[in-house]
PDB file of N, CA and C in Angstrom:
ATOM      1  N   UNK A   1     -19.721 129.404 103.787  1.00  0.00           N
ATOM      2  CA  UNK A   1     -18.438 128.951 104.192  1.00  0.00           C
ATOM      3  C   UNK A   1     -17.439 130.075 103.807  1.00  0.00           C
ATOM      4  N   UNK A   2     -16.465 130.362 104.704  1.00  0.00           N
ATOM      5  CA  UNK A   2     -15.497 131.323 104.394  1.00  0.00           C
ATOM      6  C   UNK A   2     -14.119 130.806 104.179  1.00  0.00           C
ATOM      7  N   UNK A   3     -13.382 131.551 103.353  1.00  0.00           N
ATOM      8  CA  UNK A   3     -11.993 131.129 102.972  1.00  0.00           C
ATOM      9  C   UNK A   3     -11.123 132.189 103.359  1.00  0.00           C
ATOM     10  N   UNK A   4     -10.128 131.944 104.285  1.00  0.00           N
ATOM     11  CA  UNK A   4      -9.174 133.023 104.646  1.00  0.00           C
ATOM     12  C   UNK A   4      -7.890 132.833 103.987  1.00  0.00           C
ATOM     13  N   UNK A   5      -7.242 133.910 103.611  1.00  0.00           N
ATOM     14  CA  UNK A   5      -5.901 133.895 103.042  1.00  0.00           C
ATOM     15  C   UNK A   5      -5.058 134.905 103.649  1.00  0.00           C
ATOM     16  N   UNK A   6      -3.915 134.522 104.181  1.00  0.00           N
ATOM     17  CA  UNK A   6      -3.009 135.528 104.813  1.00  0.00           C
ATOM     18  C   UNK A   6      -2.133 136.075 103.780  1.00  0.00           C
ATOM     19  N   UNK A   7      -1.957 137.384 103.872  1.00  0.00           N
ATOM     20  CA  UNK A   7      -0.960 138.050 102.978  1.00  0.00           C
ATOM     21  C   UNK A   7       0.074 138.784 103.905  1.00  0.00           C
ATOM     22  N   UNK A   8       1.285 138.837 103.380  1.00  0.00           N
ATOM     23  CA  UNK A   8       2.436 139.386 104.121  1.00  0.00           C
ATOM     24  C   UNK A   8       3.087 140.416 103.113  1.00  0.00           C
ATOM     25  N   UNK A   9       3.353 141.608 103.609  1.00  0.00           N
ATOM     26  CA  UNK A   9       4.083 142.528 102.821  1.00  0.00           C
ATOM     27  C   UNK A   9       5.543 142.240 103.362  1.00  0.00           C
ATOM     28  N   UNK A  10       6.314 141.503 102.544  1.00  0.00           N
ATOM     29  CA  UNK A  10       7.725 141.270 102.842  1.00  0.00           C
ATOM     30  C   UNK A  10       8.672 142.310 102.900  1.00  0.00           C
ATOM     31  N   UNK A  11       8.328 143.337 102.071  1.00  0.00           N
ATOM     32  CA  UNK A  11       9.185 144.609 102.170  1.00  0.00           C
ATOM     33  C   UNK A  11       9.261 145.254 103.538  1.00  0.00           C
ATOM     34  N   UNK A  12       7.953 145.352 104.033  1.00  0.00           N
ATOM     35  CA  UNK A  12       7.769 145.929 105.322  1.00  0.00           C
ATOM     36  C   UNK A  12       8.348 144.998 106.513  1.00  0.00           C
ATOM     37  N   UNK A  13       8.284 143.686 106.317  1.00  0.00           N
ATOM     38  CA  UNK A  13       8.933 142.784 107.284  1.00  0.00           C
ATOM     39  C   UNK A  13      10.443 142.963 107.344  1.00  0.00           C
ATOM     40  N   UNK A  14      10.996 142.996 106.206  1.00  0.00           N
ATOM     41  CA  UNK A  14      12.448 143.151 105.991  1.00  0.00           C
ATOM     42  C   UNK A  14      12.977 144.391 106.720  1.00  0.00           C
ATOM     43  N   UNK A  15      12.187 145.405 106.643  1.00  0.00           N
ATOM     44  CA  UNK A  15      12.608 146.755 107.200  1.00  0.00           C
ATOM     45  C   UNK A  15      12.162 146.893 108.659  1.00  0.00           C
ATOM     46  N   UNK A  16      11.543 145.926 109.228  1.00  0.00           N
ATOM     47  CA  UNK A  16      11.090 145.993 110.557  1.00  0.00           C
ATOM     48  C   UNK A  16      12.254 145.816 111.518  1.00  0.00           C
ATOM     49  N   UNK A  17      12.274 146.648 112.621  1.00  0.00           N
ATOM     50  CA  UNK A  17      13.435 146.394 113.584  1.00  0.00           C
ATOM     51  C   UNK A  17      13.422 145.204 114.321  1.00  0.00           C
ATOM     52  N   UNK A  18      12.113 144.662 114.608  1.00  0.00           N
ATOM     53  CA  UNK A  18      12.111 143.383 115.254  1.00  0.00           C
ATOM     54  C   UNK A  18      12.574 142.179 114.417  1.00  0.00           C
ATOM     55  N   UNK A  19      12.371 142.264 113.101  1.00  0.00           N
ATOM     56  CA  UNK A  19      12.930 141.264 112.200  1.00  0.00           C
ATOM     57  C   UNK A  19      14.381 141.409 112.037  1.00  0.00           C
ATOM     58  N   UNK A  20      14.857 142.649 112.054  1.00  0.00           N
ATOM     59  CA  UNK A  20      16.334 142.789 112.019  1.00  0.00           C
ATOM     60  C   UNK A  20      17.029 142.279 113.336  1.00  0.00           C
ATOM     61  N   UNK A  21      16.314 142.491 114.405  1.00  0.00           N
ATOM     62  CA  UNK A  21      16.940 141.981 115.747  1.00  0.00           C
ATOM     63  C   UNK A  21      16.869 140.476 115.713  1.00  0.00           C
ATOM     64  N   UNK A  22      15.783 140.005 115.200  1.00  0.00           N
ATOM     65  CA  UNK A  22      15.860 138.417 115.095  1.00  0.00           C
ATOM     66  C   UNK A  22      16.905 137.854 114.206  1.00  0.00           C
ATOM     67  N   UNK A  23      17.203 138.520 113.063  1.00  0.00           N
ATOM     68  CA  UNK A  23      18.224 138.071 112.169  1.00  0.00           C
ATOM     69  C   UNK A  23      19.603 138.330 112.687  1.00  0.00           C
ATOM     70  N   UNK A  24      19.881 139.267 113.513  1.00  0.00           N
ATOM     71  CA  UNK A  24      21.116 139.662 114.073  1.00  0.00           C
ATOM     72  C   UNK A  24      21.347 138.608 115.356  1.00  0.00           C
ATOM     73  N   UNK A  25      20.239 138.210 115.952  1.00  0.00           N
ATOM     74  CA  UNK A  25      20.364 137.326 117.145  1.00  0.00           C
ATOM     75  C   UNK A  25      20.697 135.887 116.531  1.00  0.00           C
ATOM     76  N   UNK A  26      20.064 135.473 115.523  1.00  0.00           N
ATOM     77  CA  UNK A  26      20.419 134.218 114.894  1.00  0.00           C
ATOM     78  C   UNK A  26      21.766 134.243 114.411  1.00  0.00           C
ATOM     79  N   UNK A  27      22.380 135.310 113.757  1.00  0.00           N
ATOM     80  CA  UNK A  27      23.689 135.405 113.266  1.00  0.00           C
ATOM     81  C   UNK A  27      24.672 135.245 114.411  1.00  0.00           C
ATOM     82  N   UNK A  28      24.475 136.052 115.555  1.00  0.00           N
ATOM     83  CA  UNK A  28      25.375 135.947 116.647  1.00  0.00           C
ATOM     84  C   UNK A  28      25.490 134.624 117.271  1.00  0.00           C
ATOM     85  N   UNK A  29      24.563 133.799 117.065  1.00  0.00           N
ATOM     86  CA  UNK A  29      24.610 132.480 117.560  1.00  0.00           C
ATOM     87  C   UNK A  29      25.060 131.446 116.707  1.00  0.00           C
ATOM     88  N   UNK A  30      24.511 131.480 115.379  1.00  0.00           N
ATOM     89  CA  UNK A  30      24.889 130.470 114.441  1.00  0.00           C
ATOM     90  C   UNK A  30      26.289 130.627 113.847  1.00  0.00           C
ATOM     91  N   UNK A  31      26.751 131.836 113.581  1.00  0.00           N
ATOM     92  CA  UNK A  31      28.125 131.895 113.042  1.00  0.00           C
ATOM     93  C   UNK A  31      29.130 131.432 113.888  1.00  0.00           C
ATOM     94  N   UNK A  32      29.233 131.823 115.157  1.00  0.00           N
ATOM     95  CA  UNK A  32      30.277 131.305 116.092  1.00  0.00           C
ATOM     96  C   UNK A  32      30.189 129.817 116.305  1.00  0.00           C
ATOM     97  N   UNK A  33      28.871 129.370 116.394  1.00  0.00           N
ATOM     98  CA  UNK A  33      28.696 127.872 116.654  1.00  0.00           C
ATOM     99  C   UNK A  33      29.116 127.003 115.422  1.00  0.00           C
ATOM    100  N   UNK A  34      28.926 127.531 114.243  1.00  0.00           N
ATOM    101  CA  UNK A  34      29.432 126.898 112.953  1.00  0.00           C
ATOM    102  C   UNK A  34      30.825 126.841 112.915  1.00  0.00           C
ATOM    103  N   UNK A  35      31.564 127.984 113.176  1.00  0.00           N
ATOM    104  CA  UNK A  35      32.975 128.081 113.232  1.00  0.00           C
ATOM    105  C   UNK A  35      33.568 127.059 114.085  1.00  0.00           C
ATOM    106  N   UNK A  36      33.051 127.050 115.402  1.00  0.00           N
ATOM    107  CA  UNK A  36      33.467 126.168 116.352  1.00  0.00           C
ATOM    108  C   UNK A  36      33.269 124.744 115.998  1.00  0.00           C
ATOM    109  N   UNK A  37      32.056 124.378 115.449  1.00  0.00           N
ATOM    110  CA  UNK A  37      31.873 123.039 115.035  1.00  0.00           C
ATOM    111  C   UNK A  37      32.828 122.577 113.955  1.00  0.00           C
ATOM    112  N   UNK A  38      33.087 123.387 112.923  1.00  0.00           N
ATOM    113  CA  UNK A  38      34.055 122.983 111.903  1.00  0.00           C
ATOM    114  C   UNK A  38      35.403 122.834 112.429  1.00  0.00           C
ATOM    115  N   UNK A  39      35.883 123.617 113.245  1.00  0.00           N
ATOM    116  CA  UNK A  39      37.265 123.656 113.744  1.00  0.00           C
ATOM    117  C   UNK A  39      37.400 122.358 114.647  1.00  0.00           C
ATOM    118  N   UNK A  40      36.396 122.082 115.505  1.00  0.00           N
ATOM    119  CA  UNK A  40      36.436 120.956 116.336  1.00  0.00           C
ATOM    120  C   UNK A  40      36.280 119.684 115.485  1.00  0.00           C
ATOM    121  N   UNK A  41      35.424 119.624 114.517  1.00  0.00           N
ATOM    122  CA  UNK A  41      35.192 118.415 113.737  1.00  0.00           C
ATOM    123  C   UNK A  41      36.418 118.064 112.952  1.00  0.00           C
ATOM    124  N   UNK A  42      36.996 119.101 112.327  1.00  0.00           N
ATOM    125  CA  UNK A  42      38.141 118.889 111.450  1.00  0.00           C
ATOM    126  C   UNK A  42      39.518 118.666 112.228  1.00  0.00           C
ATOM    127  N   UNK A  43      39.517 118.878 113.431  1.00  0.00           N
ATOM    128  CA  UNK A  43      40.577 118.726 114.239  1.00  0.00           C
ATOM    129  C   UNK A  43      41.062 117.241 114.376  1.00  0.00           C
ATOM    130  N   UNK A  44      40.082 116.296 114.336  1.00  0.00           N
ATOM    131  CA  UNK A  44      40.403 114.954 114.468  1.00  0.00           C
ATOM    132  C   UNK A  44      41.195 114.491 113.157  1.00  0.00           C
ATOM    133  N   UNK A  45      40.627 114.613 112.021  1.00  0.00           N
ATOM    134  CA  UNK A  45      41.438 114.163 110.732  1.00  0.00           C
ATOM    135  C   UNK A  45      42.643 114.858 110.608  1.00  0.00           C
ATOM    136  N   UNK A  46      42.745 116.248 110.783  1.00  0.00           N
ATOM    137  CA  UNK A  46      43.864 117.006 110.703  1.00  0.00           C
ATOM    138  C   UNK A  46      45.071 116.439 111.693  1.00  0.00           C
ATOM    139  N   UNK A  47      44.680 116.396 112.968  1.00  0.00           N
ATOM    140  CA  UNK A  47      45.711 116.050 113.915  1.00  0.00           C
ATOM    141  C   UNK A  47      46.007 114.551 113.734  1.00  0.00           C
ATOM    142  N   UNK A  48      45.161 113.678 113.409  1.00  0.00           N
ATOM    143  CA  UNK A  48      45.446 112.241 113.134  1.00  0.00           C
ATOM    144  C   UNK A  48      46.294 112.112 111.868  1.00  0.00           C
ATOM    145  N   UNK A  49      46.232 112.918 110.929  1.00  0.00           N
ATOM    146  CA  UNK A  49      46.950 112.712 109.717  1.00  0.00           C
ATOM    147  C   UNK A  49      48.362 113.396 109.733  1.00  0.00           C
ATOM    148  N   UNK A  50      48.296 114.545 110.386  1.00  0.00           N
ATOM    149  CA  UNK A  50      49.553 115.319 110.291  1.00  0.00           C
ATOM    150  C   UNK A  50      50.445 115.483 111.460  1.00  0.00           C
ATOM    151  N   UNK A  51      50.001 114.922 112.583  1.00  0.00           N
ATOM    152  CA  UNK A  51      50.768 114.950 113.902  1.00  0.00           C
ATOM    153  C   UNK A  51      50.683 113.566 114.493  1.00  0.00           C
ATOM    154  N   UNK A  52      51.473 113.446 115.555  1.00  0.00           N
ATOM    155  CA  UNK A  52      51.449 112.219 116.341  1.00  0.00           C
ATOM    156  C   UNK A  52      50.797 112.572 117.709  1.00  0.00           C
ATOM    157  N   UNK A  53      50.310 113.721 118.068  1.00  0.00           N
ATOM    158  CA  UNK A  53      49.819 114.026 119.330  1.00  0.00           C
ATOM    159  C   UNK A  53      48.639 113.229 119.834  1.00  0.00           C
ATOM    160  N   UNK A  54      47.904 112.733 118.893  1.00  0.00           N
ATOM    161  CA  UNK A  54      46.682 111.783 119.343  1.00  0.00           C
ATOM    162  C   UNK A  54      47.123 110.485 119.517  1.00  0.00           C
ATOM    163  N   UNK A  55      48.349 110.034 119.161  1.00  0.00           N
ATOM    164  CA  UNK A  55      48.742 108.704 119.365  1.00  0.00           C
ATOM    165  C   UNK A  55      48.957 108.389 120.824  1.00  0.00           C
ATOM    166  N   UNK A  56      49.398 109.406 121.579  1.00  0.00           N
ATOM    167  CA  UNK A  56      49.683 109.190 122.925  1.00  0.00           C
ATOM    168  C   UNK A  56      48.532 108.627 123.866  1.00  0.00           C
ATOM    169  N   UNK A  57      48.882 107.916 124.802  1.00  0.00           N
ATOM    170  CA  UNK A  57      47.849 107.220 125.655  1.00  0.00           C
ATOM    171  C   UNK A  57      47.267 108.296 126.572  1.00  0.00           C
ATOM    172  N   UNK A  58      45.848 108.300 126.698  1.00  0.00           N
ATOM    173  CA  UNK A  58      45.231 109.189 127.521  1.00  0.00           C
ATOM    174  C   UNK A  58      44.861 108.476 128.892  1.00  0.00           C
ATOM    175  N   UNK A  59      44.280 107.257 128.663  1.00  0.00           N
ATOM    176  CA  UNK A  59      43.780 106.545 129.819  1.00  0.00           C
ATOM    177  C   UNK A  59      44.114 105.097 129.643  1.00  0.00           C
ATOM    178  N   UNK A  60      45.176 104.412 130.163  1.00  0.00           N
ATOM    179  CA  UNK A  60      45.500 103.142 129.812  1.00  0.00           C
ATOM    180  C   UNK A  60      45.919 103.031 128.385  1.00  0.00           C
ATOM    181  N   UNK A  61      45.282 102.128 127.802  1.00  0.00           N
ATOM    182  CA  UNK A  61      45.492 101.793 126.219  1.00  0.00           C
ATOM    183  C   UNK A  61      44.675 102.782 125.374  1.00  0.00           C
ATOM    184  N   UNK A  62      43.814 103.634 125.905  1.00  0.00           N
ATOM    185  CA  UNK A  62      42.886 104.462 125.138  1.00  0.00           C
ATOM    186  C   UNK A  62      43.814 105.774 124.712  1.00  0.00           C
ATOM    187  N   UNK A  63      43.895 105.949 123.423  1.00  0.00           N
ATOM    188  CA  UNK A  63      44.655 107.175 123.015  1.00  0.00           C
ATOM    189  C   UNK A  63      43.760 108.389 122.983  1.00  0.00           C
ATOM    190  N   UNK A  64      44.460 109.450 122.756  1.00  0.00           N
ATOM    191  CA  UNK A  64      43.755 110.857 122.558  1.00  0.00           C
ATOM    192  C   UNK A  64      42.923 110.865 121.339  1.00  0.00           C
ATOM    193  N   UNK A  65      43.150 110.151 120.313  1.00  0.00           N
ATOM    194  CA  UNK A  65      42.380 109.987 119.175  1.00  0.00           C
ATOM    195  C   UNK A  65      40.923 109.516 119.582  1.00  0.00           C
ATOM    196  N   UNK A  66      40.842 108.495 120.390  1.00  0.00           N
ATOM    197  CA  UNK A  66      39.555 108.025 120.791  1.00  0.00           C
ATOM    198  C   UNK A  66      38.880 108.917 121.716  1.00  0.00           C
ATOM    199  N   UNK A  67      39.530 109.645 122.564  1.00  0.00           N
ATOM    200  CA  UNK A  67      38.979 110.607 123.381  1.00  0.00           C
ATOM    201  C   UNK A  67      38.332 111.824 122.524  1.00  0.00           C
ATOM    202  N   UNK A  68      39.109 112.233 121.571  1.00  0.00           N
ATOM    203  CA  UNK A  68      38.633 113.325 120.745  1.00  0.00           C
ATOM    204  C   UNK A  68      37.395 112.909 119.865  1.00  0.00           C
ATOM    205  N   UNK A  69      37.518 111.614 119.378  1.00  0.00           N
ATOM    206  CA  UNK A  69      36.389 111.178 118.638  1.00  0.00           C
ATOM    207  C   UNK A  69      35.146 111.055 119.363  1.00  0.00           C
ATOM    208  N   UNK A  70      35.225 110.553 120.607  1.00  0.00           N
ATOM    209  CA  UNK A  70      33.988 110.495 121.547  1.00  0.00           C
ATOM    210  C   UNK A  70      33.475 111.935 121.831  1.00  0.00           C
ATOM    211  N   UNK A  71      34.483 112.789 122.102  1.00  0.00           N
ATOM    212  CA  UNK A  71      34.107 114.223 122.404  1.00  0.00           C
ATOM    213  C   UNK A  71      33.335 114.833 121.286  1.00  0.00           C
ATOM    214  N   UNK A  72      33.658 114.447 120.071  1.00  0.00           N
ATOM    215  CA  UNK A  72      32.956 114.968 118.805  1.00  0.00           C
ATOM    216  C   UNK A  72      31.537 114.640 118.959  1.00  0.00           C
ATOM    217  N   UNK A  73      31.169 113.309 119.299  1.00  0.00           N
ATOM    218  CA  UNK A  73      29.851 112.978 119.454  1.00  0.00           C
ATOM    219  C   UNK A  73      29.105 113.815 120.597  1.00  0.00           C
ATOM    220  N   UNK A  74      29.810 114.031 121.757  1.00  0.00           N
ATOM    221  CA  UNK A  74      29.159 114.824 122.751  1.00  0.00           C
ATOM    222  C   UNK A  74      28.940 116.299 122.300  1.00  0.00           C
ATOM    223  N   UNK A  75      29.980 116.757 121.546  1.00  0.00           N
ATOM    224  CA  UNK A  75      29.854 118.182 121.164  1.00  0.00           C
ATOM    225  C   UNK A  75      28.718 118.293 120.063  1.00  0.00           C
ATOM    226  N   UNK A  76      28.511 117.299 119.222  1.00  0.00           N
ATOM    227  CA  UNK A  76      27.384 117.361 118.223  1.00  0.00           C
ATOM    228  C   UNK A  76      26.040 117.463 119.012  1.00  0.00           C
ATOM    229  N   UNK A  77      25.825 116.482 119.922  1.00  0.00           N
ATOM    230  CA  UNK A  77      24.557 116.497 120.721  1.00  0.00           C
ATOM    231  C   UNK A  77      24.399 117.759 121.428  1.00  0.00           C
ATOM    232  N   UNK A  78      25.444 118.324 122.098  1.00  0.00           N
ATOM    233  CA  UNK A  78      25.404 119.501 122.872  1.00  0.00           C
ATOM    234  C   UNK A  78      24.958 120.744 122.015  1.00  0.00           C
ATOM    235  N   UNK A  79      25.527 120.815 120.846  1.00  0.00           N
ATOM    236  CA  UNK A  79      25.167 121.784 119.969  1.00  0.00           C
ATOM    237  C   UNK A  79      23.688 121.708 119.479  1.00  0.00           C
ATOM    238  N   UNK A  80      23.307 120.573 119.138  1.00  0.00           N
ATOM    239  CA  UNK A  80      21.956 120.362 118.760  1.00  0.00           C
ATOM    240  C   UNK A  80      20.954 120.754 119.877  1.00  0.00           C
ATOM    241  N   UNK A  81      21.244 120.420 121.017  1.00  0.00           N
ATOM    242  CA  UNK A  81      20.377 120.849 122.296  1.00  0.00           C
ATOM    243  C   UNK A  81      20.460 122.245 122.436  1.00  0.00           C
ATOM    244  N   UNK A  82      21.624 122.902 122.364  1.00  0.00           N
ATOM    245  CA  UNK A  82      21.703 124.358 122.491  1.00  0.00           C
ATOM    246  C   UNK A  82      20.839 125.043 121.358  1.00  0.00           C
ATOM    247  N   UNK A  83      20.928 124.591 120.108  1.00  0.00           N
ATOM    248  CA  UNK A  83      20.205 125.209 119.091  1.00  0.00           C
ATOM    249  C   UNK A  83      18.785 125.085 119.229  1.00  0.00           C
ATOM    250  N   UNK A  84      18.294 123.843 119.598  1.00  0.00           N
ATOM    251  CA  UNK A  84      16.978 123.701 119.918  1.00  0.00           C
ATOM    252  C   UNK A  84      16.261 124.614 120.904  1.00  0.00           C
ATOM    253  N   UNK A  85      17.115 124.811 121.896  1.00  0.00           N
ATOM    254  CA  UNK A  85      16.527 125.711 122.989  1.00  0.00           C
ATOM    255  C   UNK A  85      16.559 127.108 122.364  1.00  0.00           C
ATOM    256  N   UNK A  86      17.580 127.563 121.577  1.00  0.00           N
ATOM    257  CA  UNK A  86      17.606 128.917 121.129  1.00  0.00           C
ATOM    258  C   UNK A  86      16.542 129.075 120.041  1.00  0.00           C
ATOM    259  N   UNK A  87      16.186 128.058 119.219  1.00  0.00           N
ATOM    260  CA  UNK A  87      15.288 128.065 118.202  1.00  0.00           C
ATOM    261  C   UNK A  87      13.880 128.335 118.842  1.00  0.00           C
ATOM    262  N   UNK A  88      13.617 127.989 119.911  1.00  0.00           N
ATOM    263  CA  UNK A  88      12.350 128.348 120.544  1.00  0.00           C
ATOM    264  C   UNK A  88      12.160 129.838 120.841  1.00  0.00           C
ATOM    265  N   UNK A  89      13.342 130.495 121.169  1.00  0.00           N
ATOM    266  CA  UNK A  89      13.358 131.927 121.366  1.00  0.00           C
ATOM    267  C   UNK A  89      13.267 132.630 120.005  1.00  0.00           C
ATOM    268  N   UNK A  90      13.915 132.070 118.980  1.00  0.00           N
ATOM    269  CA  UNK A  90      13.761 132.570 117.675  1.00  0.00           C
ATOM    270  C   UNK A  90      12.283 132.563 117.103  1.00  0.00           C
ATOM    271  N   UNK A  91      11.681 131.395 117.365  1.00  0.00           N
ATOM    272  CA  UNK A  91      10.207 131.223 117.025  1.00  0.00           C
ATOM    273  C   UNK A  91       9.387 132.265 117.646  1.00  0.00           C
ATOM    274  N   UNK A  92       9.637 132.566 118.934  1.00  0.00           N
ATOM    275  CA  UNK A  92       8.726 133.640 119.536  1.00  0.00           C
ATOM    276  C   UNK A  92       8.947 134.995 118.909  1.00  0.00           C
ATOM    277  N   UNK A  93      10.258 135.362 118.586  1.00  0.00           N
ATOM    278  CA  UNK A  93      10.591 136.497 118.054  1.00  0.00           C
ATOM    279  C   UNK A  93       9.901 136.614 116.615  1.00  0.00           C
ATOM    280  N   UNK A  94       9.920 135.481 115.789  1.00  0.00           N
ATOM    281  CA  UNK A  94       9.316 135.445 114.541  1.00  0.00           C
ATOM    282  C   UNK A  94       7.802 135.535 114.631  1.00  0.00           C
ATOM    283  N   UNK A  95       7.216 134.937 115.725  1.00  0.00           N
ATOM    284  CA  UNK A  95       5.757 135.178 115.811  1.00  0.00           C
ATOM    285  C   UNK A  95       5.411 136.649 116.116  1.00  0.00           C
ATOM    286  N   UNK A  96       6.278 137.281 116.840  1.00  0.00           N
ATOM    287  CA  UNK A  96       5.953 138.704 117.087  1.00  0.00           C
ATOM    288  C   UNK A  96       5.955 139.470 115.744  1.00  0.00           C
ATOM    289  N   UNK A  97       6.946 139.212 114.951  1.00  0.00           N
ATOM    290  CA  UNK A  97       7.140 139.923 113.657  1.00  0.00           C
ATOM    291  C   UNK A  97       5.794 139.649 112.756  1.00  0.00           C
ATOM    292  N   UNK A  98       5.472 138.362 112.733  1.00  0.00           N
ATOM    293  CA  UNK A  98       4.385 137.997 111.963  1.00  0.00           C
ATOM    294  C   UNK A  98       2.994 138.627 112.399  1.00  0.00           C
ATOM    295  N   UNK A  99       2.895 138.771 113.738  1.00  0.00           N
ATOM    296  CA  UNK A  99       1.552 139.330 114.271  1.00  0.00           C
ATOM    297  C   UNK A  99       1.467 140.719 113.730  1.00  0.00           C
ATOM    298  N   UNK A 100       2.512 141.384 113.590  1.00  0.00           N
ATOM    299  CA  UNK A 100       2.359 142.761 113.065  1.00  0.00           C
ATOM    300  C   UNK A 100       2.111 142.895 111.658  1.00  0.00           C
ATOM    301  N   UNK A 101       2.594 141.936 110.885  1.00  0.00           N
ATOM    302  CA  UNK A 101       2.699 142.001 109.457  1.00  0.00           C
ATOM    303  C   UNK A 101       1.641 141.201 108.606  1.00  0.00           C
ATOM    304  N   UNK A 102       1.072 140.232 109.267  1.00  0.00           N
ATOM    305  CA  UNK A 102       0.110 139.321 108.502  1.00  0.00           C
ATOM    306  C   UNK A 102      -1.220 140.011 108.501  1.00  0.00           C
ATOM    307  N   UNK A 103      -1.826 140.151 107.273  1.00  0.00           N
ATOM    308  CA  UNK A 103      -3.161 140.542 107.064  1.00  0.00           C
ATOM    309  C   UNK A 103      -4.035 139.481 106.477  1.00  0.00           C
ATOM    310  N   UNK A 104      -5.100 139.211 107.206  1.00  0.00           N
ATOM    311  CA  UNK A 104      -6.027 138.141 106.693  1.00  0.00           C
ATOM    312  C   UNK A 104      -7.070 138.726 105.788  1.00  0.00           C
ATOM    313  N   UNK A 105      -7.163 138.137 104.700  1.00  0.00           N
ATOM    314  CA  UNK A 105      -8.096 138.444 103.708  1.00  0.00           C
ATOM    315  C   UNK A 105      -9.261 137.343 103.836  1.00  0.00           C
ATOM    316  N   UNK A 106     -10.428 137.869 104.297  1.00  0.00           N
ATOM    317  CA  UNK A 106     -11.528 136.889 104.372  1.00  0.00           C
ATOM    318  C   UNK A 106     -12.537 137.058 103.316  1.00  0.00           C
ATOM    319  N   UNK A 107     -12.789 136.048 102.522  1.00  0.00           N
ATOM    320  CA  UNK A 107     -13.798 136.072 101.463  1.00  0.00           C
ATOM    321  C   UNK A 107     -14.780 134.993 101.495  1.00  0.00           C
ATOM    322  N   UNK A 108     -15.944 135.307 101.175  1.00  0.00           N
ATOM    323  CA  UNK A 108     -17.016 134.340 101.153  1.00  0.00           C
ATOM    324  C   UNK A 108     -16.845 133.458  99.953  1.00  0.00           C
ATOM    325  N   UNK A 109     -16.829 132.132 100.061  1.00  0.00           N
ATOM    326  CA  UNK A 109     -16.766 131.183  98.993  1.00  0.00           C
ATOM    327  C   UNK A 109     -18.015 130.452  98.891  1.00  0.00           C
ATOM    328  N   UNK A 110     -18.625 130.320  97.878  1.00  0.00           N
ATOM    329  CA  UNK A 110     -19.916 129.527  97.669  1.00  0.00           C
ATOM    330  C   UNK A 110     -19.842 128.312  96.775  1.00  0.00           C
TER     331      UNK A 110
END
């Protein structure tokens, strides 16, 4: 029976150009989306607390506060779907990096 153990030289991985490209791609997506999320998310409590703009009727008796609140649910689901799709790309990029740097140590175990 054989036992396999994978080893990774993390210093080589960190200096690899493909790994750096992966990290840069993630930053270019995650940072702007996080900023957008927080601005959009906190707009409802800030606007509702410190202005009267959301008190105006949007559709019949429905105010802009309700429209913004529902929009936040839509925004959250949209960002989750977007990240899930991007994560598949990041996973492929990470697999490429690992293929180059994983060394399998196979030893016989009795």
